[in-house]
Amino acid sequence: MNGSSPVGGSIQDGVNKDEIKERRCRVQLPSFHSGDMNQARVWLMEYNSLTHHIRFTEKEKLADLEVRFKGDALAWFMYLPEMGKKSWKEFEKVFQDYFGGGASTADMALNELKTLKQGNM
């Protein structure tokens, strides 16, 4: 082989570059304003799924957030320390902590149980 690209562009995870470009034009990524923890978790799940489909890199996902967030979410993101923007994993953690009630439903339920007092049901 001479190292040239196959017809339609090079292949990335079984998808050629032309297909990735087409997906990026076709797919509309969801915006997020604010809401309850369920809305935040659903938004994050949908955003992750769609950005995987269009083959966004971690860096592209982080850069894209500035146009996906609106209102309260945008204000939060703009004032988020750089530590929360250094990796996608770190961003997911701080996003879930702030909007989603914590990273784990089990942790959230445990914290809620800790606050309940016997006889106050």
PDB file of N, CA and C in Angstrom:
ATOM      1  N   MET A   1       0.826  -1.198   0.000  1.00  0.00           N
ATOM      2  CA  MET A   1       0.000   0.000   0.000  1.00  0.00           C
ATOM      3  C   MET A   1       0.857   1.243   0.000  1.00  0.00           C
ATOM      4  N   ASN A   2       0.370   2.257  -0.636  1.00  0.00           N
ATOM      5  CA  ASN A   2       1.137   3.494  -0.729  1.00  0.00           C
ATOM      6  C   ASN A   2       0.756   4.524   0.331  1.00  0.00           C
ATOM      7  N   GLY A   3      -0.148   4.164   1.249  1.00  0.00           N
ATOM      8  CA  GLY A   3      -0.539   5.063   2.325  1.00  0.00           C
ATOM      9  C   GLY A   3      -1.626   6.043   1.952  1.00  0.00           C
ATOM     10  N   SER A   4      -2.168   5.925   0.730  1.00  0.00           N
ATOM     11  CA  SER A   4      -3.225   6.856   0.330  1.00  0.00           C
ATOM     12  C   SER A   4      -4.533   6.499   1.017  1.00  0.00           C
ATOM     13  N   SER A   5      -5.420   7.467   1.081  1.00  0.00           N
ATOM     14  CA  SER A   5      -6.717   7.269   1.718  1.00  0.00           C
ATOM     15  C   SER A   5      -7.644   6.509   0.795  1.00  0.00           C
ATOM     16  N   PRO A   6      -8.531   5.671   1.369  1.00  0.00           N
ATOM     17  CA  PRO A   6      -9.528   5.004   0.548  1.00  0.00           C
ATOM     18  C   PRO A   6     -10.506   6.026  -0.017  1.00  0.00           C
ATOM     19  N   VAL A   7     -11.266   5.618  -1.009  1.00  0.00           N
ATOM     20  CA  VAL A   7     -12.270   6.496  -1.608  1.00  0.00           C
ATOM     21  C   VAL A   7     -13.193   7.007  -0.505  1.00  0.00           C
ATOM     22  N   GLY A   8     -13.463   8.314  -0.523  1.00  0.00           N
ATOM     23  CA  GLY A   8     -14.362   8.889   0.483  1.00  0.00           C
ATOM     24  C   GLY A   8     -13.629   9.397   1.710  1.00  0.00           C
ATOM     25  N   GLY A   9     -12.327   9.307   1.742  1.00  0.00           N
ATOM     26  CA  GLY A   9     -11.579   9.794   2.897  1.00  0.00           C
ATOM     27  C   GLY A   9     -11.078   8.661   3.755  1.00  0.00           C
ATOM     28  N   SER A  10     -10.283   8.993   4.752  1.00  0.00           N
ATOM     29  CA  SER A  10      -9.722   7.959   5.615  1.00  0.00           C
ATOM     30  C   SER A  10     -10.797   7.414   6.554  1.00  0.00           C
ATOM     31  N   ILE A  11     -10.504   6.264   7.107  1.00  0.00           N
ATOM     32  CA  ILE A  11     -11.461   5.564   7.965  1.00  0.00           C
ATOM     33  C   ILE A  11     -11.142   5.842   9.437  1.00  0.00           C
ATOM     34  N   GLN A  12     -12.164   6.149  10.214  1.00  0.00           N
ATOM     35  CA  GLN A  12     -12.039   6.326  11.654  1.00  0.00           C
ATOM     36  C   GLN A  12     -13.108   5.459  12.298  1.00  0.00           C
ATOM     37  N   ASP A  13     -12.688   4.422  13.004  1.00  0.00           N
ATOM     38  CA  ASP A  13     -13.630   3.504  13.656  1.00  0.00           C
ATOM     39  C   ASP A  13     -14.672   2.963  12.682  1.00  0.00           C
ATOM     40  N   GLY A  14     -14.245   2.631  11.471  1.00  0.00           N
ATOM     41  CA  GLY A  14     -15.152   2.053  10.490  1.00  0.00           C
ATOM     42  C   GLY A  14     -16.023   3.060   9.762  1.00  0.00           C
ATOM     43  N   VAL A  15     -15.815   4.351   9.998  1.00  0.00           N
ATOM     44  CA  VAL A  15     -16.604   5.395   9.349  1.00  0.00           C
ATOM     45  C   VAL A  15     -15.631   6.334   8.639  1.00  0.00           C
ATOM     46  N   ASN A  16     -15.887   6.612   7.354  1.00  0.00           N
ATOM     47  CA  ASN A  16     -14.952   7.494   6.644  1.00  0.00           C
ATOM     48  C   ASN A  16     -15.222   8.963   6.975  1.00  0.00           C
ATOM     49  N   LYS A  17     -14.244   9.800   6.667  1.00  0.00           N
ATOM     50  CA  LYS A  17     -14.327  11.223   7.018  1.00  0.00           C
ATOM     51  C   LYS A  17     -15.513  11.922   6.369  1.00  0.00           C
ATOM     52  N   ASP A  18     -15.860  11.519   5.151  1.00  0.00           N
ATOM     53  CA  ASP A  18     -17.015  12.137   4.489  1.00  0.00           C
ATOM     54  C   ASP A  18     -18.305  11.838   5.248  1.00  0.00           C
ATOM     55  N   GLU A  19     -18.433  10.618   5.739  1.00  0.00           N
ATOM     56  CA  GLU A  19     -19.618  10.246   6.522  1.00  0.00           C
ATOM     57  C   GLU A  19     -19.660  11.034   7.826  1.00  0.00           C
ATOM     58  N   ILE A  20     -18.509  11.211   8.458  1.00  0.00           N
ATOM     59  CA  ILE A  20     -18.457  11.995   9.698  1.00  0.00           C
ATOM     60  C   ILE A  20     -18.877  13.440   9.422  1.00  0.00           C
ATOM     61  N   LYS A  21     -18.385  14.023   8.336  1.00  0.00           N
ATOM     62  CA  LYS A  21     -18.781  15.390   7.963  1.00  0.00           C
ATOM     63  C   LYS A  21     -20.285  15.476   7.739  1.00  0.00           C
ATOM     64  N   GLU A  22     -20.838  14.486   7.050  1.00  0.00           N
ATOM     65  CA  GLU A  22     -22.281  14.451   6.785  1.00  0.00           C
ATOM     66  C   GLU A  22     -23.062  14.363   8.095  1.00  0.00           C
ATOM     67  N   ARG A  23     -22.612  13.508   8.995  1.00  0.00           N
ATOM     68  CA  ARG A  23     -23.285  13.377  10.291  1.00  0.00           C
ATOM     69  C   ARG A  23     -23.263  14.702  11.047  1.00  0.00           C
ATOM     70  N   ARG A  24     -22.122  15.369  11.030  1.00  0.00           N
ATOM     71  CA  ARG A  24     -21.999  16.633  11.761  1.00  0.00           C
ATOM     72  C   ARG A  24     -22.918  17.708  11.193  1.00  0.00           C
ATOM     73  N   CYS A  25     -23.160  17.673   9.903  1.00  0.00           N
ATOM     74  CA  CYS A  25     -24.097  18.622   9.286  1.00  0.00           C
ATOM     75  C   CYS A  25     -25.543  18.273   9.618  1.00  0.00           C
ATOM     76  N   ARG A  26     -25.831  16.997   9.703  1.00  0.00           N
ATOM     77  CA  ARG A  26     -27.195  16.508   9.867  1.00  0.00           C
ATOM     78  C   ARG A  26     -27.669  16.543  11.320  1.00  0.00           C
ATOM     79  N   VAL A  27     -26.798  16.229  12.254  1.00  0.00           N
ATOM     80  CA  VAL A  27     -27.179  16.080  13.662  1.00  0.00           C
ATOM     81  C   VAL A  27     -27.233  17.444  14.351  1.00  0.00           C
ATOM     82  N   GLN A  28     -28.309  17.675  15.075  1.00  0.00           N
ATOM     83  CA  GLN A  28     -28.426  18.886  15.886  1.00  0.00           C
ATOM     84  C   GLN A  28     -28.219  18.502  17.346  1.00  0.00           C
ATOM     85  N   LEU A  29     -27.194  19.080  17.939  1.00  0.00           N
ATOM     86  CA  LEU A  29     -26.899  18.792  19.340  1.00  0.00           C
ATOM     87  C   LEU A  29     -27.840  19.586  20.238  1.00  0.00           C
ATOM     88  N   PRO A  30     -28.267  18.983  21.345  1.00  0.00           N
ATOM     89  CA  PRO A  30     -29.223  19.651  22.229  1.00  0.00           C
ATOM     90  C   PRO A  30     -28.572  20.761  23.048  1.00  0.00           C
ATOM     91  N   SER A  31     -29.356  21.782  23.356  1.00  0.00           N
ATOM     92  CA  SER A  31     -28.875  22.828  24.257  1.00  0.00           C
ATOM     93  C   SER A  31     -29.394  22.508  25.660  1.00  0.00           C
ATOM     94  N   PHE A  32     -28.824  23.178  26.641  1.00  0.00           N
ATOM     95  CA  PHE A  32     -29.236  22.963  28.030  1.00  0.00           C
ATOM     96  C   PHE A  32     -29.291  24.311  28.723  1.00  0.00           C
ATOM     97  N   HIS A  33     -30.402  24.568  29.407  1.00  0.00           N
ATOM     98  CA  HIS A  33     -30.591  25.821  30.143  1.00  0.00           C
ATOM     99  C   HIS A  33     -30.418  25.562  31.631  1.00  0.00           C
ATOM    100  N   SER A  34     -31.245  24.748  32.169  1.00  0.00           N
ATOM    101  CA  SER A  34     -31.214  24.289  33.554  1.00  0.00           C
ATOM    102  C   SER A  34     -32.434  23.411  33.726  1.00  0.00           C
ATOM    103  N   GLY A  35     -32.628  22.915  34.892  1.00  0.00           N
ATOM    104  CA  GLY A  35     -33.779  22.066  35.128  1.00  0.00           C
ATOM    105  C   GLY A  35     -33.529  21.155  36.304  1.00  0.00           C
ATOM    106  N   ASP A  36     -34.411  20.190  36.467  1.00  0.00           N
ATOM    107  CA  ASP A  36     -34.233  19.267  37.576  1.00  0.00           C
ATOM    108  C   ASP A  36     -33.140  18.254  37.240  1.00  0.00           C
ATOM    109  N   MET A  37     -32.800  17.432  38.232  1.00  0.00           N
ATOM    110  CA  MET A  37     -31.679  16.511  38.029  1.00  0.00           C
ATOM    111  C   MET A  37     -31.956  15.503  36.923  1.00  0.00           C
ATOM    112  N   ASN A  38     -33.199  15.111  36.723  1.00  0.00           N
ATOM    113  CA  ASN A  38     -33.509  14.168  35.652  1.00  0.00           C
ATOM    114  C   ASN A  38     -33.265  14.804  34.282  1.00  0.00           C
ATOM    115  N   GLN A  39     -33.679  16.049  34.114  1.00  0.00           N
ATOM    116  CA  GLN A  39     -33.442  16.749  32.843  1.00  0.00           C
ATOM    117  C   GLN A  39     -31.945  16.892  32.566  1.00  0.00           C
ATOM    118  N   ALA A  40     -31.164  17.161  33.597  1.00  0.00           N
ATOM    119  CA  ALA A  40     -29.709  17.295  33.436  1.00  0.00           C
ATOM    120  C   ALA A  40     -29.089  15.968  33.018  1.00  0.00           C
ATOM    121  N   ARG A  41     -29.508  14.894  33.650  1.00  0.00           N
ATOM    122  CA  ARG A  41     -28.953  13.574  33.314  1.00  0.00           C
ATOM    123  C   ARG A  41     -29.357  13.149  31.907  1.00  0.00           C
ATOM    124  N   VAL A  42     -30.595  13.411  31.534  1.00  0.00           N
ATOM    125  CA  VAL A  42     -31.061  13.069  30.185  1.00  0.00           C
ATOM    126  C   VAL A  42     -30.290  13.885  29.152  1.00  0.00           C
ATOM    127  N   TRP A  43     -30.100  15.184  29.415  1.00  0.00           N
ATOM    128  CA  TRP A  43     -29.335  16.013  28.479  1.00  0.00           C
ATOM    129  C   TRP A  43     -27.920  15.463  28.307  1.00  0.00           C
ATOM    130  N   LEU A  44     -27.256  15.138  29.406  1.00  0.00           N
ATOM    131  CA  LEU A  44     -25.881  14.647  29.334  1.00  0.00           C
ATOM    132  C   LEU A  44     -25.810  13.323  28.585  1.00  0.00           C
ATOM    133  N   MET A  45     -26.754  12.436  28.837  1.00  0.00           N
ATOM    134  CA  MET A  45     -26.787  11.147  28.147  1.00  0.00           C
ATOM    135  C   MET A  45     -26.994  11.356  26.639  1.00  0.00           C
ATOM    136  N   GLU A  46     -27.930  12.219  26.276  1.00  0.00           N
ATOM    137  CA  GLU A  46     -28.203  12.497  24.864  1.00  0.00           C
ATOM    138  C   GLU A  46     -27.003  13.171  24.197  1.00  0.00           C
ATOM    139  N   TYR A  47     -26.405  14.128  24.886  1.00  0.00           N
ATOM    140  CA  TYR A  47     -25.240  14.832  24.333  1.00  0.00           C
ATOM    141  C   TYR A  47     -24.085  13.852  24.102  1.00  0.00           C
ATOM    142  N   ASN A  48     -23.822  12.991  25.076  1.00  0.00           N
ATOM    143  CA  ASN A  48     -22.753  11.997  24.922  1.00  0.00           C
ATOM    144  C   ASN A  48     -23.031  11.053  23.760  1.00  0.00           C
ATOM    145  N   SER A  49     -24.261  10.620  23.631  1.00  0.00           N
ATOM    146  CA  SER A  49     -24.624   9.702  22.554  1.00  0.00           C
ATOM    147  C   SER A  49     -24.436  10.351  21.183  1.00  0.00           C
ATOM    148  N   LEU A  50     -24.930  11.567  21.039  1.00  0.00           N
ATOM    149  CA  LEU A  50     -24.832  12.252  19.748  1.00  0.00           C
ATOM    150  C   LEU A  50     -23.395  12.640  19.405  1.00  0.00           C
ATOM    151  N   THR A  51     -22.630  13.095  20.384  1.00  0.00           N
ATOM    152  CA  THR A  51     -21.243  13.466  20.086  1.00  0.00           C
ATOM    153  C   THR A  51     -20.399  12.236  19.779  1.00  0.00           C
ATOM    154  N   HIS A  52     -20.772  11.100  20.323  1.00  0.00           N
ATOM    155  CA  HIS A  52     -20.098   9.851  19.942  1.00  0.00           C
ATOM    156  C   HIS A  52     -20.433   9.512  18.486  1.00  0.00           C
ATOM    157  N   HIS A  53     -21.692   9.669  18.123  1.00  0.00           N
ATOM    158  CA  HIS A  53     -22.157   9.377  16.763  1.00  0.00           C
ATOM    159  C   HIS A  53     -21.440  10.236  15.723  1.00  0.00           C
ATOM    160  N   ILE A  54     -21.203  11.501  16.050  1.00  0.00           N
ATOM    161  CA  ILE A  54     -20.536  12.394  15.096  1.00  0.00           C
ATOM    162  C   ILE A  54     -19.026  12.460  15.331  1.00  0.00           C
ATOM    163  N   ARG A  55     -18.545  11.594  16.192  1.00  0.00           N
ATOM    164  CA  ARG A  55     -17.108  11.412  16.437  1.00  0.00           C
ATOM    165  C   ARG A  55     -16.406  12.670  16.947  1.00  0.00           C
ATOM    166  N   PHE A  56     -17.058  13.399  17.850  1.00  0.00           N
ATOM    167  CA  PHE A  56     -16.386  14.522  18.489  1.00  0.00           C
ATOM    168  C   PHE A  56     -15.282  13.990  19.383  1.00  0.00           C
ATOM    169  N   THR A  57     -14.161  14.690  19.407  1.00  0.00           N
ATOM    170  CA  THR A  57     -13.115  14.375  20.370  1.00  0.00           C
ATOM    171  C   THR A  57     -13.513  14.999  21.704  1.00  0.00           C
ATOM    172  N   GLU A  58     -12.821  14.613  22.753  1.00  0.00           N
ATOM    173  CA  GLU A  58     -13.063  15.195  24.068  1.00  0.00           C
ATOM    174  C   GLU A  58     -12.872  16.716  24.014  1.00  0.00           C
ATOM    175  N   LYS A  59     -11.839  17.149  23.331  1.00  0.00           N
ATOM    176  CA  LYS A  59     -11.547  18.579  23.200  1.00  0.00           C
ATOM    177  C   LYS A  59     -12.675  19.301  22.454  1.00  0.00           C
ATOM    178  N   GLU A  60     -13.206  18.692  21.406  1.00  0.00           N
ATOM    179  CA  GLU A  60     -14.310  19.298  20.649  1.00  0.00           C
ATOM    180  C   GLU A  60     -15.571  19.392  21.503  1.00  0.00           C
ATOM    181  N   LYS A  61     -15.834  18.373  22.303  1.00  0.00           N
ATOM    182  CA  LYS A  61     -17.006  18.397  23.176  1.00  0.00           C
ATOM    183  C   LYS A  61     -16.916  19.552  24.170  1.00  0.00           C
ATOM    184  N   LEU A  62     -15.758  19.712  24.786  1.00  0.00           N
ATOM    185  CA  LEU A  62     -15.582  20.785  25.763  1.00  0.00           C
ATOM    186  C   LEU A  62     -15.718  22.160  25.111  1.00  0.00           C
ATOM    187  N   ALA A  63     -15.158  22.326  23.923  1.00  0.00           N
ATOM    188  CA  ALA A  63     -15.248  23.606  23.214  1.00  0.00           C
ATOM    189  C   ALA A  63     -16.684  23.901  22.780  1.00  0.00           C
ATOM    190  N   ASP A  64     -17.441  22.883  22.451  1.00  0.00           N
ATOM    191  CA  ASP A  64     -18.813  23.038  21.960  1.00  0.00           C
ATOM    192  C   ASP A  64     -19.789  23.481  23.048  1.00  0.00           C
ATOM    193  N   LEU A  65     -19.470  23.225  24.298  1.00  0.00           N
ATOM    194  CA  LEU A  65     -20.410  23.512  25.381  1.00  0.00           C
ATOM    195  C   LEU A  65     -20.790  24.984  25.472  1.00  0.00           C
ATOM    196  N   GLU A  66     -19.883  25.855  25.124  1.00  0.00           N
ATOM    197  CA  GLU A  66     -20.157  27.284  25.223  1.00  0.00           C
ATOM    198  C   GLU A  66     -21.341  27.713  24.354  1.00  0.00           C
ATOM    199  N   VAL A  67     -21.599  26.984  23.269  1.00  0.00           N
ATOM    200  CA  VAL A  67     -22.757  27.313  22.431  1.00  0.00           C
ATOM    201  C   VAL A  67     -23.966  26.427  22.730  1.00  0.00           C
ATOM    202  N   ARG A  68     -23.786  25.368  23.489  1.00  0.00           N
ATOM    203  CA  ARG A  68     -24.906  24.490  23.855  1.00  0.00           C
ATOM    204  C   ARG A  68     -25.620  24.973  25.100  1.00  0.00           C
ATOM    205  N   PHE A  69     -24.889  25.629  26.001  1.00  0.00           N
ATOM    206  CA  PHE A  69     -25.487  26.099  27.242  1.00  0.00           C
ATOM    207  C   PHE A  69     -26.161  27.441  27.030  1.00  0.00           C
ATOM    208  N   LYS A  70     -27.281  27.614  27.698  1.00  0.00           N
ATOM    209  CA  LYS A  70     -28.061  28.852  27.641  1.00  0.00           C
ATOM    210  C   LYS A  70     -28.377  29.287  29.070  1.00  0.00           C
ATOM    211  N   GLY A  71     -28.639  30.566  29.261  1.00  0.00           N
ATOM    212  CA  GLY A  71     -29.111  31.084  30.541  1.00  0.00           C
ATOM    213  C   GLY A  71     -28.258  30.700  31.733  1.00  0.00           C
ATOM    214  N   ASP A  72     -28.908  30.107  32.744  1.00  0.00           N
ATOM    215  CA  ASP A  72     -28.227  29.733  33.984  1.00  0.00           C
ATOM    216  C   ASP A  72     -27.067  28.777  33.744  1.00  0.00           C
ATOM    217  N   ALA A  73     -27.250  27.841  32.837  1.00  0.00           N
ATOM    218  CA  ALA A  73     -26.192  26.864  32.563  1.00  0.00           C
ATOM    219  C   ALA A  73     -24.974  27.543  31.943  1.00  0.00           C
ATOM    220  N   LEU A  74     -25.200  28.504  31.058  1.00  0.00           N
ATOM    221  CA  LEU A  74     -24.086  29.225  30.443  1.00  0.00           C
ATOM    222  C   LEU A  74     -23.342  30.051  31.491  1.00  0.00           C
ATOM    223  N   ALA A  75     -24.075  30.727  32.357  1.00  0.00           N
ATOM    224  CA  ALA A  75     -23.437  31.512  33.421  1.00  0.00           C
ATOM    225  C   ALA A  75     -22.585  30.602  34.305  1.00  0.00           C
ATOM    226  N   TRP A  76     -23.138  29.448  34.678  1.00  0.00           N
ATOM    227  CA  TRP A  76     -22.384  28.484  35.485  1.00  0.00           C
ATOM    228  C   TRP A  76     -21.115  28.059  34.759  1.00  0.00           C
ATOM    229  N   PHE A  77     -21.237  27.729  33.478  1.00  0.00           N
ATOM    230  CA  PHE A  77     -20.093  27.243  32.707  1.00  0.00           C
ATOM    231  C   PHE A  77     -19.018  28.320  32.554  1.00  0.00           C
ATOM    232  N   MET A  78     -19.431  29.549  32.315  1.00  0.00           N
ATOM    233  CA  MET A  78     -18.463  30.635  32.119  1.00  0.00           C
ATOM    234  C   MET A  78     -17.638  30.888  33.383  1.00  0.00           C
ATOM    235  N   TYR A  79     -18.236  30.663  34.552  1.00  0.00           N
ATOM    236  CA  TYR A  79     -17.525  30.885  35.812  1.00  0.00           C
ATOM    237  C   TYR A  79     -16.927  29.605  36.393  1.00  0.00           C
ATOM    238  N   LEU A  80     -17.087  28.511  35.692  1.00  0.00           N
ATOM    239  CA  LEU A  80     -16.522  27.240  36.143  1.00  0.00           C
ATOM    240  C   LEU A  80     -15.000  27.321  36.086  1.00  0.00           C
ATOM    241  N   PRO A  81     -14.314  26.998  37.184  1.00  0.00           N
ATOM    242  CA  PRO A  81     -12.845  27.020  37.153  1.00  0.00           C
ATOM    243  C   PRO A  81     -12.300  26.077  36.076  1.00  0.00           C
ATOM    244  N   GLU A  82     -11.142  26.423  35.544  1.00  0.00           N
ATOM    245  CA  GLU A  82     -10.521  25.626  34.475  1.00  0.00           C
ATOM    246  C   GLU A  82     -10.374  24.160  34.865  1.00  0.00           C
ATOM    247  N   MET A  83     -10.232  23.878  36.143  1.00  0.00           N
ATOM    248  CA  MET A  83     -10.102  22.492  36.609  1.00  0.00           C
ATOM    249  C   MET A  83     -11.295  21.656  36.137  1.00  0.00           C
ATOM    250  N   GLY A  84     -12.472  22.251  36.123  1.00  0.00           N
ATOM    251  CA  GLY A  84     -13.676  21.545  35.693  1.00  0.00           C
ATOM    252  C   GLY A  84     -13.793  21.386  34.192  1.00  0.00           C
ATOM    253  N   LYS A  85     -12.878  22.029  33.453  1.00  0.00           N
ATOM    254  CA  LYS A  85     -12.906  21.975  31.992  1.00  0.00           C
ATOM    255  C   LYS A  85     -11.674  21.279  31.419  1.00  0.00           C
ATOM    256  N   LYS A  86     -10.855  20.674  32.283  1.00  0.00           N
ATOM    257  CA  LYS A  86      -9.593  20.107  31.790  1.00  0.00           C
ATOM    258  C   LYS A  86      -9.779  18.785  31.063  1.00  0.00           C
ATOM    259  N   SER A  87     -10.842  18.059  31.376  1.00  0.00           N
ATOM    260  CA  SER A  87     -11.131  16.800  30.679  1.00  0.00           C
ATOM    261  C   SER A  87     -12.638  16.595  30.660  1.00  0.00           C
ATOM    262  N   TRP A  88     -13.100  15.757  29.731  1.00  0.00           N
ATOM    263  CA  TRP A  88     -14.535  15.495  29.657  1.00  0.00           C
ATOM    264  C   TRP A  88     -15.014  14.795  30.920  1.00  0.00           C
ATOM    265  N   LYS A  89     -14.215  13.882  31.431  1.00  0.00           N
ATOM    266  CA  LYS A  89     -14.588  13.146  32.643  1.00  0.00           C
ATOM    267  C   LYS A  89     -14.751  14.110  33.824  1.00  0.00           C
ATOM    268  N   GLU A  90     -13.822  15.044  33.954  1.00  0.00           N
ATOM    269  CA  GLU A  90     -13.908  16.027  35.037  1.00  0.00           C
ATOM    270  C   GLU A  90     -15.128  16.924  34.839  1.00  0.00           C
ATOM    271  N   PHE A  91     -15.388  17.338  33.594  1.00  0.00           N
ATOM    272  CA  PHE A  91     -16.566  18.156  33.329  1.00  0.00           C
ATOM    273  C   PHE A  91     -17.843  17.407  33.714  1.00  0.00           C
ATOM    274  N   GLU A  92     -17.956  16.139  33.300  1.00  0.00           N
ATOM    275  CA  GLU A  92     -19.154  15.359  33.636  1.00  0.00           C
ATOM    276  C   GLU A  92     -19.375  15.316  35.141  1.00  0.00           C
ATOM    277  N   LYS A  93     -18.299  15.153  35.883  1.00  0.00           N
ATOM    278  CA  LYS A  93     -18.412  15.083  37.342  1.00  0.00           C
ATOM    279  C   LYS A  93     -18.961  16.391  37.913  1.00  0.00           C
ATOM    280  N   VAL A  94     -18.370  17.530  37.527  1.00  0.00           N
ATOM    281  CA  VAL A  94     -18.835  18.802  38.091  1.00  0.00           C
ATOM    282  C   VAL A  94     -20.236  19.152  37.588  1.00  0.00           C
ATOM    283  N   PHE A  95     -20.555  18.794  36.338  1.00  0.00           N
ATOM    284  CA  PHE A  95     -21.900  19.031  35.806  1.00  0.00           C
ATOM    285  C   PHE A  95     -22.930  18.233  36.604  1.00  0.00           C
ATOM    286  N   GLN A  96     -22.642  16.959  36.827  1.00  0.00           N
ATOM    287  CA  GLN A  96     -23.575  16.116  37.574  1.00  0.00           C
ATOM    288  C   GLN A  96     -23.692  16.563  39.022  1.00  0.00           C
ATOM    289  N   ASP A  97     -22.587  16.994  39.607  1.00  0.00           N
ATOM    290  CA  ASP A  97     -22.640  17.484  40.986  1.00  0.00           C
ATOM    291  C   ASP A  97     -23.513  18.731  41.093  1.00  0.00           C
ATOM    292  N   TYR A  98     -23.408  19.622  40.117  1.00  0.00           N
ATOM    293  CA  TYR A  98     -24.140  20.888  40.181  1.00  0.00           C
ATOM    294  C   TYR A  98     -25.592  20.757  39.722  1.00  0.00           C
ATOM    295  N   PHE A  99     -25.806  20.152  38.565  1.00  0.00           N
ATOM    296  CA  PHE A  99     -27.151  20.090  37.990  1.00  0.00           C
ATOM    297  C   PHE A  99     -27.866  18.770  38.248  1.00  0.00           C
ATOM    298  N   GLY A 100     -27.111  17.706  38.404  1.00  0.00           N
ATOM    299  CA  GLY A 100     -27.715  16.386  38.460  1.00  0.00           C
ATOM    300  C   GLY A 100     -27.826  15.767  39.829  1.00  0.00           C
ATOM    301  N   GLY A 101     -27.560  16.517  40.874  1.00  0.00           N
ATOM    302  CA  GLY A 101     -27.715  15.972  42.214  1.00  0.00           C
ATOM    303  C   GLY A 101     -26.598  15.040  42.632  1.00  0.00           C
ATOM    304  N   GLY A 102     -25.506  15.010  41.912  1.00  0.00           N
ATOM    305  CA  GLY A 102     -24.389  14.126  42.242  1.00  0.00           C
ATOM    306  C   GLY A 102     -24.154  13.121  41.148  1.00  0.00           C
ATOM    307  N   ALA A 103     -23.011  12.476  41.199  1.00  0.00           N
ATOM    308  CA  ALA A 103     -22.606  11.564  40.135  1.00  0.00           C
ATOM    309  C   ALA A 103     -23.339  10.238  40.188  1.00  0.00           C
ATOM    310  N   SER A 104     -23.887   9.885  41.316  1.00  0.00           N
ATOM    311  CA  SER A 104     -24.488   8.564  41.450  1.00  0.00           C
ATOM    312  C   SER A 104     -25.864   8.655  42.099  1.00  0.00           C
ATOM    313  N   THR A 105     -26.815   7.988  41.514  1.00  0.00           N
ATOM    314  CA  THR A 105     -28.159   7.938  42.098  1.00  0.00           C
ATOM    315  C   THR A 105     -28.112   7.281  43.466  1.00  0.00           C
ATOM    316  N   ALA A 106     -27.286   6.251  43.599  1.00  0.00           N
ATOM    317  CA  ALA A 106     -27.152   5.555  44.883  1.00  0.00           C
ATOM    318  C   ALA A 106     -26.599   6.508  45.944  1.00  0.00           C
ATOM    319  N   ASP A 107     -25.593   7.298  45.596  1.00  0.00           N
ATOM    320  CA  ASP A 107     -25.035   8.274  46.538  1.00  0.00           C
ATOM    321  C   ASP A 107     -26.085   9.296  46.940  1.00  0.00           C
ATOM    322  N   MET A 108     -26.864   9.744  45.965  1.00  0.00           N
ATOM    323  CA  MET A 108     -27.900  10.725  46.229  1.00  0.00           C
ATOM    324  C   MET A 108     -28.956  10.143  47.178  1.00  0.00           C
ATOM    325  N   ALA A 109     -29.364   8.914  46.921  1.00  0.00           N
ATOM    326  CA  ALA A 109     -30.363   8.266  47.771  1.00  0.00           C
ATOM    327  C   ALA A 109     -29.822   8.081  49.186  1.00  0.00           C
ATOM    328  N   LEU A 110     -28.552   7.705  49.294  1.00  0.00           N
ATOM    329  CA  LEU A 110     -27.932   7.524  50.602  1.00  0.00           C
ATOM    330  C   LEU A 110     -27.890   8.846  51.358  1.00  0.00           C
ATOM    331  N   ASN A 111     -27.533   9.916  50.685  1.00  0.00           N
ATOM    332  CA  ASN A 111     -27.510  11.231  51.330  1.00  0.00           C
ATOM    333  C   ASN A 111     -28.899  11.656  51.783  1.00  0.00           C
ATOM    334  N   GLU A 112     -29.909  11.340  50.978  1.00  0.00           N
ATOM    335  CA  GLU A 112     -31.284  11.671  51.353  1.00  0.00           C
ATOM    336  C   GLU A 112     -31.703  10.883  52.589  1.00  0.00           C
ATOM    337  N   LEU A 113     -31.331   9.611  52.638  1.00  0.00           N
ATOM    338  CA  LEU A 113     -31.650   8.787  53.803  1.00  0.00           C
ATOM    339  C   LEU A 113     -30.980   9.321  55.063  1.00  0.00           C
ATOM    340  N   LYS A 114     -29.771   9.810  54.924  1.00  0.00           N
ATOM    341  CA  LYS A 114     -29.045  10.348  56.074  1.00  0.00           C
ATOM    342  C   LYS A 114     -29.749  11.557  56.664  1.00  0.00           C
ATOM    343  N   THR A 115     -30.463  12.304  55.838  1.00  0.00           N
ATOM    344  CA  THR A 115     -31.128  13.512  56.324  1.00  0.00           C
ATOM    345  C   THR A 115     -32.495  13.221  56.951  1.00  0.00           C
ATOM    346  N   LEU A 116     -33.044  12.054  56.668  1.00  0.00           N
ATOM    347  CA  LEU A 116     -34.347  11.710  57.244  1.00  0.00           C
ATOM    348  C   LEU A 116     -34.197  11.392  58.729  1.00  0.00           C
ATOM    349  N   LYS A 117     -35.133  11.838  59.498  1.00  0.00           N
ATOM    350  CA  LYS A 117     -35.132  11.506  60.919  1.00  0.00           C
ATOM    351  C   LYS A 117     -36.246  10.507  61.157  1.00  0.00           C
ATOM    352  N   GLN A 118     -35.970   9.571  62.019  1.00  0.00           N
ATOM    353  CA  GLN A 118     -36.974   8.557  62.313  1.00  0.00           C
ATOM    354  C   GLN A 118     -38.229   9.232  62.859  1.00  0.00           C
ATOM    355  N   GLY A 119     -39.366   8.822  62.321  1.00  0.00           N
ATOM    356  CA  GLY A 119     -40.643   9.367  62.753  1.00  0.00           C
ATOM    357  C   GLY A 119     -41.106  10.571  61.937  1.00  0.00           C
ATOM    358  N   ASN A 120     -40.288  11.060  61.013  1.00  0.00           N
ATOM    359  CA  ASN A 120     -40.671  12.196  60.171  1.00  0.00           C
ATOM    360  C   ASN A 120     -41.038  11.745  58.778  1.00  0.00           C
ATOM    361  N   MET A 121     -41.771  10.701  58.649  1.00  0.00           N
ATOM    362  CA  MET A 121     -42.127  10.195  57.327  1.00  0.00           C
ATOM    363  C   MET A 121     -43.497  10.621  56.950  1.00  0.00           C
TER     364      MET A 121
END
